[in-house]
Each structure stands twice: as C-alpha cells, then as structure tokens.
Amino acid sequence: MSKRKYAPTHEWVEGKDGILVVGLSQFAVDQLTDVIYIDLPKVGVSVSAGQAVAEIESVKAVSDIYAPVEGEITEVNSVLATDASIVSRDPFGEGWLFKVKPSSDDPTSHLLTEVDYQAQIAGQAH
C-alpha cells in the first residue's frame, strides 16, 4: 500500500525527509489526455493548501493545479518545461511537478488515503 495521499483536486503528495513531492494522479492525467504545457510555481514561494499554484495545458483544456499542503516551494521539475508529456507518461515518477517544505508538523492529515481517493474517482469515471 502506498504512503501517497491525495487532494480531492487530484494532486498526490508523497514525503521524505520533511520534503513533500507533489504530482498529478493518473485519473487527472487520463482526463486531460495529452499534456502539452505546464506553468510551474516559483521556487521560494509560500503556498496555502488549496491555492492554485500552477497551470497545466492539454489538447483538451487548461486546468489549475492546486497546492495540496501549506508550505514553501523548494524545487520544481524543470524537465517539464521542455517535455510536459512526461506527466502523461509517468505521473507518479519522472512526471512529478514540485516539492514543498511543509509549514506544519502534520501537513497531510486533511488529505485522502489511496482507498478514499479511489472511492472518490469511482463516482467521477462515468
């Protein structure tokens, strides 16, 4: 079972050493289809949970990406600037979006577990 947690807005979070990696779920990527551009947040910016911090553009639509936790952006996946399609191919690996240093001791307590997230998207997949 993954230690990954999810925001209702389809971002995932996985943490190591006090830094949380953020990306988009497979469900979100499947809904977007072919990702062609991503506008990532700036390093050093403080974000609030639920705040729109980035944009992703696909052949179908432009969508906001939200910060799943409160904290400071410490790194962005700069490879996506030249090849945004990595998000479509590998959303849980090389297609990660940005990293956040959380500003609280329990930054993911409000997020969904994998089981809860799967239940949420089961109702949206029609």
C-alpha atoms as a PDB file:
ATOM      1  CA  MET A   1       0.000   0.000   0.000  1.00  0.00           C
ATOM      2  CA  SER A   2       1.339   3.397  -0.990  1.00  0.00           C
ATOM      3  CA  LYS A   3       2.032   6.108   1.558  1.00  0.00           C
ATOM      4  CA  ARG A   4       0.883   8.546  -1.115  1.00  0.00           C
ATOM      5  CA  LYS A   5      -2.026  10.809  -0.158  1.00  0.00           C
ATOM      6  CA  TYR A   6      -4.369  12.728  -2.421  1.00  0.00           C
ATOM      7  CA  ALA A   7      -6.157  16.062  -2.567  1.00  0.00           C
ATOM      8  CA  PRO A   8      -9.768  15.994  -3.804  1.00  0.00           C
ATOM      9  CA  THR A   9      -8.469  18.124  -6.723  1.00  0.00           C
ATOM     10  CA  HIS A  10      -6.341  15.145  -7.951  1.00  0.00           C
ATOM     11  CA  GLU A  11      -2.870  16.138  -6.769  1.00  0.00           C
ATOM     12  CA  TRP A  12      -0.841  13.493  -4.937  1.00  0.00           C
ATOM     13  CA  VAL A  13       1.717  14.000  -2.182  1.00  0.00           C
ATOM     14  CA  GLU A  14       4.475  11.706  -1.003  1.00  0.00           C
ATOM     15  CA  GLY A  15       7.035  12.694   1.574  1.00  0.00           C
ATOM     16  CA  LYS A  16      10.629  12.049   2.518  1.00  0.00           C
ATOM     17  CA  ASP A  17      12.930  13.898   4.908  1.00  0.00           C
ATOM     18  CA  GLY A  18      10.485  16.722   5.622  1.00  0.00           C
ATOM     19  CA  ILE A  19      10.017  17.497   1.909  1.00  0.00           C
ATOM     20  CA  LEU A  20       6.825  16.524   0.090  1.00  0.00           C
ATOM     21  CA  VAL A  21       6.804  15.670  -3.609  1.00  0.00           C
ATOM     22  CA  VAL A  22       3.637  16.744  -5.464  1.00  0.00           C
ATOM     23  CA  GLY A  23       2.255  15.427  -8.736  1.00  0.00           C
ATOM     24  CA  LEU A  24      -0.990  14.730 -10.572  1.00  0.00           C
ATOM     25  CA  SER A  25      -2.909  11.488 -10.210  1.00  0.00           C
ATOM     26  CA  GLN A  26      -3.281   9.004 -13.058  1.00  0.00           C
ATOM     27  CA  PHE A  27      -7.018   9.809 -13.101  1.00  0.00           C
ATOM     28  CA  ALA A  28      -6.307  13.529 -13.684  1.00  0.00           C
ATOM     29  CA  VAL A  29      -3.764  12.776 -16.402  1.00  0.00           C
ATOM     30  CA  ASP A  30      -6.222  10.425 -18.118  1.00  0.00           C
ATOM     31  CA  GLN A  31      -8.916  13.130 -18.049  1.00  0.00           C
ATOM     32  CA  LEU A  32      -6.536  15.722 -19.531  1.00  0.00           C
ATOM     33  CA  THR A  33      -5.239  13.378 -22.250  1.00  0.00           C
ATOM     34  CA  ASP A  34      -2.131  14.788 -23.977  1.00  0.00           C
ATOM     35  CA  VAL A  35      -0.344  17.315 -21.761  1.00  0.00           C
ATOM     36  CA  ILE A  36       1.442  19.958 -23.852  1.00  0.00           C
ATOM     37  CA  TYR A  37       2.487  22.675 -21.365  1.00  0.00           C
ATOM     38  CA  ILE A  38       2.905  23.201 -17.625  1.00  0.00           C
ATOM     39  CA  ASP A  39       3.402  26.533 -15.870  1.00  0.00           C
ATOM     40  CA  LEU A  40       5.007  25.578 -12.535  1.00  0.00           C
ATOM     41  CA  PRO A  41       5.228  27.730  -9.385  1.00  0.00           C
ATOM     42  CA  LYS A  42       8.359  29.688  -8.488  1.00  0.00           C
ATOM     43  CA  VAL A  43      10.848  28.238  -6.003  1.00  0.00           C
ATOM     44  CA  GLY A  44      10.737  30.055  -2.661  1.00  0.00           C
ATOM     45  CA  VAL A  45       7.044  30.954  -2.880  1.00  0.00           C
ATOM     46  CA  SER A  46       4.871  30.200   0.152  1.00  0.00           C
ATOM     47  CA  VAL A  47       1.606  28.459  -0.694  1.00  0.00           C
ATOM     48  CA  SER A  48      -1.585  27.597   1.162  1.00  0.00           C
ATOM     49  CA  ALA A  49      -3.376  24.279   0.876  1.00  0.00           C
ATOM     50  CA  GLY A  50      -6.000  24.544  -1.854  1.00  0.00           C
ATOM     51  CA  GLN A  51      -4.328  27.548  -3.520  1.00  0.00           C
ATOM     52  CA  ALA A  52      -3.969  27.453  -7.315  1.00  0.00           C
ATOM     53  CA  VAL A  53      -0.192  27.430  -7.842  1.00  0.00           C
ATOM     54  CA  ALA A  54       0.335  26.180 -11.389  1.00  0.00           C
ATOM     55  CA  GLU A  55      -1.423  25.559 -14.696  1.00  0.00           C
ATOM     56  CA  ILE A  56      -1.419  22.536 -16.930  1.00  0.00           C
ATOM     57  CA  GLU A  57      -2.453  22.672 -20.561  1.00  0.00           C
ATOM     58  CA  SER A  58      -3.548  19.701 -22.610  1.00  0.00           C
ATOM     59  CA  VAL A  59      -5.032  19.345 -26.047  1.00  0.00           C
ATOM     60  CA  LYS A  60      -8.447  19.423 -24.322  1.00  0.00           C
ATOM     61  CA  ALA A  61      -8.223  22.200 -21.708  1.00  0.00           C
ATOM     62  CA  VAL A  62      -6.206  24.424 -19.401  1.00  0.00           C
ATOM     63  CA  SER A  63      -6.560  23.470 -15.737  1.00  0.00           C
ATOM     64  CA  ASP A  64      -5.272  24.789 -12.438  1.00  0.00           C
ATOM     65  CA  ILE A  65      -3.000  22.732 -10.224  1.00  0.00           C
ATOM     66  CA  TYR A  66      -3.519  23.295  -6.510  1.00  0.00           C
ATOM     67  CA  ALA A  67      -1.111  23.075  -3.608  1.00  0.00           C
ATOM     68  CA  PRO A  68      -2.270  20.086  -1.564  1.00  0.00           C
ATOM     69  CA  VAL A  69      -0.424  21.317   1.538  1.00  0.00           C
ATOM     70  CA  GLU A  70       0.730  24.585   3.073  1.00  0.00           C
ATOM     71  CA  GLY A  71       4.427  25.362   2.866  1.00  0.00           C
ATOM     72  CA  GLU A  72       7.256  26.669   0.713  1.00  0.00           C
ATOM     73  CA  ILE A  73       8.046  25.524  -2.825  1.00  0.00           C
ATOM     74  CA  THR A  74      11.621  24.180  -2.657  1.00  0.00           C
ATOM     75  CA  GLU A  75      12.054  22.710  -6.143  1.00  0.00           C
ATOM     76  CA  VAL A  76      10.219  22.349  -9.449  1.00  0.00           C
ATOM     77  CA  ASN A  77      10.645  19.636 -12.050  1.00  0.00           C
ATOM     78  CA  SER A  78      12.398  21.789 -14.651  1.00  0.00           C
ATOM     79  CA  VAL A  79      12.480  18.929 -17.180  1.00  0.00           C
ATOM     80  CA  LEU A  80       8.744  19.517 -17.701  1.00  0.00           C
ATOM     81  CA  ALA A  81       9.498  22.920 -19.276  1.00  0.00           C
ATOM     82  CA  THR A  82      10.923  21.149 -22.321  1.00  0.00           C
ATOM     83  CA  ASP A  83       8.845  17.950 -22.219  1.00  0.00           C
ATOM     84  CA  ALA A  84       5.495  18.340 -20.432  1.00  0.00           C
ATOM     85  CA  SER A  85       4.327  14.996 -21.849  1.00  0.00           C
ATOM     86  CA  ILE A  86       6.382  13.228 -19.151  1.00  0.00           C
ATOM     87  CA  VAL A  87       3.418  13.914 -16.839  1.00  0.00           C
ATOM     88  CA  SER A  88       1.189  11.869 -19.144  1.00  0.00           C
ATOM     89  CA  ARG A  89       3.674   9.013 -19.402  1.00  0.00           C
ATOM     90  CA  ASP A  90       4.840   8.770 -15.769  1.00  0.00           C
ATOM     91  CA  PRO A  91       2.693  10.846 -13.371  1.00  0.00           C
ATOM     92  CA  PHE A  92       3.955   9.065 -10.231  1.00  0.00           C
ATOM     93  CA  GLY A  93       7.627   9.009 -11.216  1.00  0.00           C
ATOM     94  CA  GLU A  94       9.529  11.334 -13.541  1.00  0.00           C
ATOM     95  CA  GLY A  95       6.368  13.408 -14.044  1.00  0.00           C
ATOM     96  CA  TRP A  96       6.350  14.874 -10.525  1.00  0.00           C
ATOM     97  CA  LEU A  97       5.598  18.611 -10.502  1.00  0.00           C
ATOM     98  CA  PHE A  98       7.146  20.336  -7.486  1.00  0.00           C
ATOM     99  CA  LYS A  99       8.391  19.856  -3.939  1.00  0.00           C
ATOM    100  CA  VAL A 100       7.118  21.587  -0.811  1.00  0.00           C
ATOM    101  CA  LYS A 101       8.643  22.041   2.614  1.00  0.00           C
ATOM    102  CA  PRO A 102       5.501  21.872   4.786  1.00  0.00           C
ATOM    103  CA  SER A 103       4.864  24.543   7.398  1.00  0.00           C
ATOM    104  CA  SER A 104       3.115  22.228   9.858  1.00  0.00           C
ATOM    105  CA  ASP A 105       4.029  19.010  11.665  1.00  0.00           C
ATOM    106  CA  ASP A 106       1.139  17.013  10.175  1.00  0.00           C
ATOM    107  CA  PRO A 107       0.688  18.586   6.728  1.00  0.00           C
ATOM    108  CA  THR A 108      -1.209  15.709   5.091  1.00  0.00           C
ATOM    109  CA  SER A 109      -3.788  14.892   7.771  1.00  0.00           C
ATOM    110  CA  HIS A 110      -6.559  16.554   5.716  1.00  0.00           C
ATOM    111  CA  LEU A 111      -5.748  14.596   2.544  1.00  0.00           C
ATOM    112  CA  LEU A 112      -7.333  11.392   1.259  1.00  0.00           C
ATOM    113  CA  THR A 113      -5.781   7.951   1.548  1.00  0.00           C
ATOM    114  CA  GLU A 114      -5.376   5.916  -1.638  1.00  0.00           C
ATOM    115  CA  VAL A 115      -8.539   3.933  -0.776  1.00  0.00           C
ATOM    116  CA  ASP A 116     -10.594   7.094  -0.126  1.00  0.00           C
ATOM    117  CA  TYR A 117      -9.306   8.729  -3.307  1.00  0.00           C
ATOM    118  CA  GLN A 118     -10.148   5.649  -5.399  1.00  0.00           C
ATOM    119  CA  ALA A 119     -13.682   5.754  -3.962  1.00  0.00           C
ATOM    120  CA  GLN A 120     -13.967   9.450  -4.885  1.00  0.00           C
ATOM    121  CA  ILE A 121     -12.876   8.985  -8.507  1.00  0.00           C
ATOM    122  CA  ALA A 122     -15.021   5.873  -8.935  1.00  0.00           C
ATOM    123  CA  GLY A 123     -18.003   8.220  -8.853  1.00  0.00           C
ATOM    124  CA  GLN A 124     -16.449  10.537 -11.462  1.00  0.00           C
ATOM    125  CA  ALA A 125     -15.333   7.999 -14.026  1.00  0.00           C
ATOM    126  CA  HIS A 126     -18.604   7.787 -15.936  1.00  0.00           C
END
